Amino acid sequence: MLNLLNNVQLILMAEKLKIKLSIADRVYPLTIDPSQEEGLRKAAKNIEQLAKKFEQNYAVRDKQDVLAMCALQFASKIEQKSIDKQEDTSEVTERLKALEQIVDSKLSII
């Protein structure tokens, strides 16, 4: 039974990828699915770039403050996209209702 358990663990580990990401002068070792690698590396790169921008433009000494500002920036972008999507959906719904009324009025003539 122990042998079977070890084999299952080896199979699961074979499907995972070990990477290291550097964010704010710290290295974070991660075990991930290979499909996640590109997204995680891009995200880490974006965080690093934004952190450098904040450090250059503002008198920020503490890395925690810089990372908090980065988190707020990224979270606000996600929230704004959600708001924009809701507004787009409302606009499309209104247009569809208007088209439906036009079609209904034309069909009632026939």
C-alpha atoms as a PDB file:
ATOM      1  CA  MET A   1       0.000   0.000   0.000  1.00  0.00           C
ATOM      2  CA  LEU A   2       2.843   2.371   0.861  1.00  0.00           C
ATOM      3  CA  ASN A   3       4.407   1.668  -2.519  1.00  0.00           C
ATOM      4  CA  LEU A   4       1.165   2.573  -4.291  1.00  0.00           C
ATOM      5  CA  LEU A   5       0.932   5.801  -2.291  1.00  0.00           C
ATOM      6  CA  ASN A   6       4.503   6.717  -3.235  1.00  0.00           C
ATOM      7  CA  ASN A   7       3.749   6.041  -6.897  1.00  0.00           C
ATOM      8  CA  VAL A   8       0.673   8.267  -6.800  1.00  0.00           C
ATOM      9  CA  GLN A   9       2.706  11.045  -5.178  1.00  0.00           C
ATOM     10  CA  LEU A  10       5.391  10.707  -7.868  1.00  0.00           C
ATOM     11  CA  ILE A  11       2.776  10.908 -10.622  1.00  0.00           C
ATOM     12  CA  LEU A  12       1.203  14.004  -9.076  1.00  0.00           C
ATOM     13  CA  MET A  13       4.597  15.674  -8.657  1.00  0.00           C
ATOM     14  CA  ALA A  14       5.519  14.822 -12.260  1.00  0.00           C
ATOM     15  CA  GLU A  15       2.535  16.856 -13.411  1.00  0.00           C
ATOM     16  CA  LYS A  16       3.677  19.867 -11.381  1.00  0.00           C
ATOM     17  CA  LEU A  17       6.370  22.398 -12.139  1.00  0.00           C
ATOM     18  CA  LYS A  18       8.638  24.034  -9.577  1.00  0.00           C
ATOM     19  CA  ILE A  19       9.459  27.675 -10.293  1.00  0.00           C
ATOM     20  CA  LYS A  20      10.848  30.629  -8.396  1.00  0.00           C
ATOM     21  CA  LEU A  21       9.394  34.114  -8.743  1.00  0.00           C
ATOM     22  CA  SER A  22      11.092  37.255  -7.531  1.00  0.00           C
ATOM     23  CA  ILE A  23       8.832  39.980  -6.197  1.00  0.00           C
ATOM     24  CA  ALA A  24      10.012  42.998  -4.198  1.00  0.00           C
ATOM     25  CA  ASP A  25      13.490  41.576  -3.606  1.00  0.00           C
ATOM     26  CA  ARG A  26      12.132  38.276  -2.306  1.00  0.00           C
ATOM     27  CA  VAL A  27      12.138  34.898  -4.001  1.00  0.00           C
ATOM     28  CA  TYR A  28       8.995  32.798  -3.831  1.00  0.00           C
ATOM     29  CA  PRO A  29       9.307  29.112  -4.700  1.00  0.00           C
ATOM     30  CA  LEU A  30       6.071  27.726  -6.123  1.00  0.00           C
ATOM     31  CA  THR A  31       4.836  24.338  -7.270  1.00  0.00           C
ATOM     32  CA  ILE A  32       2.342  24.907 -10.060  1.00  0.00           C
ATOM     33  CA  ASP A  33       0.605  23.346 -13.026  1.00  0.00           C
ATOM     34  CA  PRO A  34       2.664  23.961 -16.178  1.00  0.00           C
ATOM     35  CA  SER A  35      -0.312  25.819 -17.688  1.00  0.00           C
ATOM     36  CA  GLN A  36      -0.015  28.469 -14.955  1.00  0.00           C
ATOM     37  CA  GLU A  37       3.627  29.337 -15.544  1.00  0.00           C
ATOM     38  CA  GLU A  38       3.242  32.017 -18.217  1.00  0.00           C
ATOM     39  CA  GLY A  39       0.496  33.855 -16.335  1.00  0.00           C
ATOM     40  CA  LEU A  40       2.374  33.791 -13.037  1.00  0.00           C
ATOM     41  CA  ARG A  41       5.607  35.014 -14.615  1.00  0.00           C
ATOM     42  CA  LYS A  42       3.779  37.842 -16.398  1.00  0.00           C
ATOM     43  CA  ALA A  43       1.983  38.790 -13.188  1.00  0.00           C
ATOM     44  CA  ALA A  44       5.255  38.872 -11.228  1.00  0.00           C
ATOM     45  CA  LYS A  45       6.852  40.994 -13.953  1.00  0.00           C
ATOM     46  CA  ASN A  46       3.912  43.433 -13.903  1.00  0.00           C
ATOM     47  CA  ILE A  47       4.111  43.711 -10.116  1.00  0.00           C
ATOM     48  CA  GLU A  48       7.852  44.393 -10.296  1.00  0.00           C
ATOM     49  CA  GLN A  49       7.392  47.089 -12.964  1.00  0.00           C
ATOM     50  CA  LEU A  50       4.595  48.812 -11.074  1.00  0.00           C
ATOM     51  CA  ALA A  51       6.521  48.637  -7.797  1.00  0.00           C
ATOM     52  CA  LYS A  52       9.537  50.311  -9.435  1.00  0.00           C
ATOM     53  CA  LYS A  53       7.265  52.989 -10.860  1.00  0.00           C
ATOM     54  CA  PHE A  54       5.785  53.721  -7.426  1.00  0.00           C
ATOM     55  CA  GLU A  55       9.241  53.788  -5.827  1.00  0.00           C
ATOM     56  CA  GLN A  56      10.507  56.252  -8.456  1.00  0.00           C
ATOM     57  CA  ASN A  57       7.481  58.554  -8.388  1.00  0.00           C
ATOM     58  CA  TYR A  58       6.715  58.596  -4.676  1.00  0.00           C
ATOM     59  CA  ALA A  59       8.786  58.823  -1.538  1.00  0.00           C
ATOM     60  CA  VAL A  60       8.032  55.281  -0.410  1.00  0.00           C
ATOM     61  CA  ARG A  61      10.582  53.539   1.733  1.00  0.00           C
ATOM     62  CA  ASP A  62       8.688  50.494   2.886  1.00  0.00           C
ATOM     63  CA  LYS A  63       8.260  47.592   0.429  1.00  0.00           C
ATOM     64  CA  GLN A  64       4.991  46.686   2.157  1.00  0.00           C
ATOM     65  CA  ASP A  65       3.560  50.097   1.243  1.00  0.00           C
ATOM     66  CA  VAL A  66       4.685  49.664  -2.360  1.00  0.00           C
ATOM     67  CA  LEU A  67       3.122  46.214  -2.551  1.00  0.00           C
ATOM     68  CA  ALA A  68      -0.107  47.494  -0.985  1.00  0.00           C
ATOM     69  CA  MET A  69      -0.261  50.232  -3.632  1.00  0.00           C
ATOM     70  CA  CYS A  70       0.321  47.600  -6.347  1.00  0.00           C
ATOM     71  CA  ALA A  71      -2.431  45.399  -4.925  1.00  0.00           C
ATOM     72  CA  LEU A  72      -4.828  48.351  -4.864  1.00  0.00           C
ATOM     73  CA  GLN A  73      -3.947  49.273  -8.454  1.00  0.00           C
ATOM     74  CA  PHE A  74      -4.507  45.742  -9.788  1.00  0.00           C
ATOM     75  CA  ALA A  75      -7.664  45.169  -7.723  1.00  0.00           C
ATOM     76  CA  SER A  76      -9.181  48.464  -8.855  1.00  0.00           C
ATOM     77  CA  LYS A  77      -8.558  47.519 -12.507  1.00  0.00           C
ATOM     78  CA  ILE A  78     -10.396  44.240 -11.999  1.00  0.00           C
ATOM     79  CA  GLU A  79     -13.300  45.976 -10.270  1.00  0.00           C
ATOM     80  CA  GLN A  80     -13.501  48.641 -12.981  1.00  0.00           C
ATOM     81  CA  LYS A  81     -13.614  45.971 -15.693  1.00  0.00           C
ATOM     82  CA  SER A  82     -16.482  44.315 -13.841  1.00  0.00           C
ATOM     83  CA  ILE A  83     -18.348  47.627 -13.609  1.00  0.00           C
ATOM     84  CA  ASP A  84     -17.730  48.369 -17.297  1.00  0.00           C
ATOM     85  CA  LYS A  85     -18.960  44.897 -18.244  1.00  0.00           C
ATOM     86  CA  GLN A  86     -22.171  45.417 -16.259  1.00  0.00           C
ATOM     87  CA  GLU A  87     -22.740  48.764 -17.995  1.00  0.00           C
ATOM     88  CA  ASP A  88     -22.115  47.164 -21.405  1.00  0.00           C
ATOM     89  CA  THR A  89     -24.545  44.376 -20.584  1.00  0.00           C
ATOM     90  CA  SER A  90     -27.211  46.887 -19.559  1.00  0.00           C
ATOM     91  CA  GLU A  91     -26.740  48.834 -22.784  1.00  0.00           C
ATOM     92  CA  VAL A  92     -26.993  45.685 -24.900  1.00  0.00           C
ATOM     93  CA  THR A  93     -30.125  44.617 -23.018  1.00  0.00           C
ATOM     94  CA  GLU A  94     -31.760  47.989 -23.658  1.00  0.00           C
ATOM     95  CA  ARG A  95     -30.926  47.800 -27.374  1.00  0.00           C
ATOM     96  CA  LEU A  96     -32.301  44.271 -27.622  1.00  0.00           C
ATOM     97  CA  LYS A  97     -35.541  45.348 -25.953  1.00  0.00           C
ATOM     98  CA  ALA A  98     -35.857  48.241 -28.407  1.00  0.00           C
ATOM     99  CA  LEU A  99     -35.285  45.880 -31.341  1.00  0.00           C
ATOM    100  CA  GLU A 100     -37.820  43.460 -29.925  1.00  0.00           C
ATOM    101  CA  GLN A 101     -40.422  46.246 -29.729  1.00  0.00           C
ATOM    102  CA  ILE A 102     -39.730  47.217 -33.357  1.00  0.00           C
ATOM    103  CA  VAL A 103     -40.072  43.616 -34.521  1.00  0.00           C
ATOM    104  CA  ASP A 104     -43.245  43.142 -32.466  1.00  0.00           C
ATOM    105  CA  SER A 105     -44.763  46.314 -33.913  1.00  0.00           C
ATOM    106  CA  LYS A 106     -43.941  45.202 -37.497  1.00  0.00           C
ATOM    107  CA  LEU A 107     -45.369  41.746 -36.886  1.00  0.00           C
ATOM    108  CA  SER A 108     -48.576  43.128 -35.463  1.00  0.00           C
ATOM    109  CA  ILE A 109     -49.141  45.030 -38.729  1.00  0.00           C
ATOM    110  CA  ILE A 110     -49.029  41.824 -40.757  1.00  0.00           C
END
